[in-house]
Amino acid sequence: MHCPFCRHPDSRVVDSRTTDDGTSIRRRRQCPDCSRRFTTVETASLMVIKRSGVTEPFSRTKVIAGVRKACQGRPVTEDALAKLGQRVEEAVRATGSAELTTHDVGLAILGPLQELDLVAYLRFASVYRAFDSLEDFEAAIAELREQREQGPPAHGGSNEEAGEPAVPVPATAAD
């Protein structure tokens, strides 16, 4: 590691600590040449392969930004979005793969988003799954109703637990 002050090509690790979320290591380093100290943060790289074939680093910020668009006008807090972003990152890192497709990331988003807000879930799913007709929406709503009749998901996380009322699923003409 080059010293950011004098560009000496070496440094000595003085202290290493895992971050609170356990996803990276914070290291305090000291330059043997100028004796100044600096901090580095190491994380395991996780790359996302986009539809175009371009590869870029995974970004929790991009996940949150995409979900934020689906949650626009919904009673979803920034804290809830941050927690969702963390859950998605943990899920994709838990796969053990160094490279994932955007499809894999989208799948990792759908579960936590469904627990967070059903309307936002439908908005996100409509783009992610490329809904192009009313029938696609009706099928997704029917699937949600079927899941709701079977009971809450085993891993919890409904809006009611967060002190918010449950989001009703809109009725269709088929009901």
Protein backbone atom coordinates (compact mmCIF):
# COMPACT_ATOMS: atom_id res chain seq x y z
CA MET A 1 0.00 0.00 0.00
CA HIS A 2 1.49 3.34 -1.06
CA CYS A 3 1.58 6.09 1.55
CA PRO A 4 -0.96 8.76 0.52
CA PHE A 5 1.33 11.50 1.88
CA CYS A 6 4.82 10.68 0.54
CA ARG A 7 3.98 7.86 -1.93
CA HIS A 8 6.43 5.48 -0.24
CA PRO A 9 5.62 2.01 -1.67
CA ASP A 10 5.27 0.28 1.69
CA SER A 11 3.40 0.68 4.97
CA ARG A 12 3.10 -1.18 8.26
CA VAL A 13 -0.25 -2.28 9.71
CA VAL A 14 -0.60 -0.85 13.22
CA ASP A 15 -4.17 -2.01 14.00
CA SER A 16 -6.87 -4.11 12.28
CA ARG A 17 -10.55 -4.23 13.19
CA THR A 18 -13.64 -5.69 11.61
CA THR A 19 -16.39 -3.17 10.92
CA ASP A 20 -19.65 -3.44 12.87
CA ASP A 21 -21.49 -5.17 10.02
CA GLY A 22 -18.60 -7.58 9.47
CA THR A 23 -18.32 -6.90 5.74
CA SER A 24 -14.98 -5.13 5.79
CA ILE A 25 -11.77 -4.66 7.75
CA ARG A 26 -10.47 -1.27 8.88
CA ARG A 27 -6.69 -1.06 9.08
CA ARG A 28 -4.56 1.70 10.60
CA ARG A 29 -1.25 1.90 8.77
CA GLN A 30 1.98 3.79 9.33
CA CYS A 31 4.48 4.80 6.68
CA PRO A 32 8.05 3.71 7.55
CA ASP A 33 9.43 6.68 5.59
CA CYS A 34 7.44 9.72 6.81
CA SER A 35 5.89 8.04 9.93
CA ARG A 36 2.43 9.42 9.15
CA ARG A 37 -0.61 7.24 9.82
CA PHE A 38 -3.58 6.58 7.57
CA THR A 39 -6.62 4.30 7.45
CA THR A 40 -7.60 1.79 4.78
CA VAL A 41 -10.79 -0.23 4.48
CA GLU A 42 -10.71 -3.64 2.82
CA THR A 43 -13.79 -5.35 1.43
CA ALA A 44 -14.23 -8.48 -0.63
CA SER A 45 -15.03 -7.44 -4.17
CA LEU A 46 -18.42 -8.39 -5.52
CA MET A 47 -19.03 -7.73 -9.20
CA VAL A 48 -22.34 -7.42 -11.03
CA ILE A 49 -22.64 -8.40 -14.68
CA LYS A 50 -25.10 -6.08 -16.40
CA ARG A 51 -27.34 -7.07 -19.31
CA SER A 52 -24.96 -5.33 -21.71
CA GLY A 53 -22.14 -7.58 -20.50
CA VAL A 54 -20.36 -4.76 -18.66
CA THR A 55 -19.11 -5.69 -15.19
CA GLU A 56 -19.18 -3.21 -12.31
CA PRO A 57 -18.78 -3.40 -8.53
CA PHE A 58 -21.92 -4.18 -6.49
CA SER A 59 -23.40 -1.00 -5.06
CA ARG A 60 -25.76 -1.03 -2.10
CA THR A 61 -26.45 2.63 -2.92
CA LYS A 62 -27.73 1.68 -6.39
CA VAL A 63 -29.99 -0.99 -4.88
CA ILE A 64 -31.46 1.53 -2.43
CA ALA A 65 -31.91 4.13 -5.19
CA GLY A 66 -33.84 1.66 -7.36
CA VAL A 67 -36.04 0.57 -4.49
CA ARG A 68 -36.57 4.20 -3.44
CA LYS A 69 -38.14 4.87 -6.87
CA ALA A 70 -40.57 1.98 -6.34
CA CYS A 71 -41.38 3.31 -2.84
CA GLN A 72 -42.06 6.86 -3.98
CA GLY A 73 -45.19 8.13 -2.22
CA ARG A 74 -45.31 5.07 0.05
CA PRO A 75 -44.91 5.08 3.85
CA VAL A 76 -41.36 3.70 3.72
CA THR A 77 -38.61 5.33 5.79
CA GLU A 78 -34.98 5.86 4.79
CA ASP A 79 -34.03 3.58 7.68
CA ALA A 80 -36.19 0.80 6.21
CA LEU A 81 -34.54 1.32 2.81
CA ALA A 82 -31.08 1.13 4.39
CA LYS A 83 -32.00 -2.11 6.16
CA LEU A 84 -33.35 -3.54 2.91
CA GLY A 85 -30.10 -2.59 1.15
CA GLN A 86 -28.10 -4.33 3.86
CA ARG A 87 -30.28 -7.47 3.62
CA VAL A 88 -29.84 -7.56 -0.16
CA GLU A 89 -26.07 -7.16 0.10
CA GLU A 90 -25.86 -9.87 2.76
CA ALA A 91 -27.97 -12.18 0.58
CA VAL A 92 -25.86 -11.71 -2.55
CA ARG A 93 -22.59 -12.04 -0.60
CA ALA A 94 -23.93 -15.22 1.05
CA THR A 95 -24.11 -16.87 -2.37
CA GLY A 96 -20.31 -17.13 -2.21
CA SER A 97 -20.01 -16.01 -5.81
CA ALA A 98 -17.64 -13.19 -6.76
CA GLU A 99 -19.81 -12.30 -9.78
CA LEU A 100 -23.58 -12.01 -10.02
CA THR A 101 -25.95 -10.96 -12.76
CA THR A 102 -28.37 -8.06 -12.42
CA HIS A 103 -31.07 -10.75 -12.48
CA ASP A 104 -29.60 -12.31 -9.32
CA VAL A 105 -29.55 -8.92 -7.59
CA GLY A 106 -33.17 -8.28 -8.64
CA LEU A 107 -34.24 -11.62 -7.19
CA ALA A 108 -32.48 -10.74 -3.94
CA ILE A 109 -34.44 -7.45 -3.81
CA LEU A 110 -37.92 -8.90 -4.42
CA GLY A 111 -38.24 -10.88 -1.18
CA PRO A 112 -37.34 -8.12 1.29
CA LEU A 113 -39.29 -5.55 -0.74
CA GLN A 114 -42.41 -7.73 -0.67
CA GLU A 115 -42.16 -7.79 3.13
CA LEU A 116 -41.60 -4.03 3.27
CA ASP A 117 -44.43 -2.75 1.05
CA LEU A 118 -46.66 -4.66 -1.37
CA VAL A 119 -47.40 -1.70 -3.64
CA ALA A 120 -43.69 -0.90 -3.96
CA TYR A 121 -43.09 -4.61 -4.60
CA LEU A 122 -45.59 -4.58 -7.48
CA ARG A 123 -44.02 -1.44 -8.93
CA PHE A 124 -40.53 -2.93 -8.77
CA ALA A 125 -41.67 -6.33 -10.04
CA SER A 126 -43.49 -4.70 -12.97
CA VAL A 127 -40.22 -3.21 -14.20
CA TYR A 128 -37.96 -6.10 -13.15
CA ARG A 129 -40.20 -8.77 -14.69
CA ALA A 130 -41.11 -6.50 -17.63
CA PHE A 131 -44.90 -6.56 -17.19
CA ASP A 132 -46.49 -5.52 -20.45
CA SER A 133 -50.19 -6.15 -19.85
CA LEU A 134 -52.90 -5.97 -17.24
CA GLU A 135 -52.84 -9.76 -17.10
CA ASP A 136 -49.26 -9.66 -15.84
CA PHE A 137 -50.32 -7.36 -12.98
CA GLU A 138 -53.38 -9.51 -12.24
CA ALA A 139 -51.25 -12.66 -12.10
CA ALA A 140 -48.81 -10.98 -9.70
CA ILE A 141 -51.66 -9.75 -7.50
CA ALA A 142 -53.26 -13.22 -7.52
CA GLU A 143 -49.91 -14.68 -6.45
CA LEU A 144 -49.67 -12.16 -3.59
CA ARG A 145 -53.23 -12.94 -2.47
CA GLU A 146 -52.47 -16.66 -2.49
CA GLN A 147 -49.37 -16.09 -0.36
CA ARG A 148 -51.35 -13.91 2.05
CA GLU A 149 -54.03 -16.60 2.46
CA GLN A 150 -51.30 -19.13 3.30
CA GLY A 151 -50.12 -16.87 6.12
CA PRO A 152 -47.22 -14.49 6.70
CA PRO A 153 -43.74 -15.45 5.49
CA ALA A 154 -41.71 -17.50 7.93
CA HIS A 155 -38.99 -14.83 8.15
CA GLY A 156 -41.41 -12.01 9.15
CA GLY A 157 -40.94 -8.30 8.55
CA SER A 158 -44.40 -6.97 7.74
CA ASN A 159 -45.37 -3.31 7.79
CA GLU A 160 -47.53 -3.94 10.86
CA GLU A 161 -44.45 -4.96 12.86
CA ALA A 162 -42.88 -1.62 11.93
CA GLY A 163 -45.91 0.20 13.36
CA GLU A 164 -47.47 0.75 9.96
CA PRO A 165 -50.81 -0.61 8.77
CA ALA A 166 -50.81 -3.52 6.38
CA VAL A 167 -50.92 -2.48 2.75
CA PRO A 168 -54.09 -3.79 1.11
CA VAL A 169 -53.80 -5.56 -2.22
CA PRO A 170 -56.08 -3.83 -4.74
CA ALA A 171 -59.11 -5.74 -5.96
CA THR A 172 -59.38 -6.80 -9.59
CA ALA A 173 -62.40 -7.19 -11.78
CA ALA A 174 -61.99 -10.97 -11.54
CA ASP A 175 -62.91 -10.97 -7.80
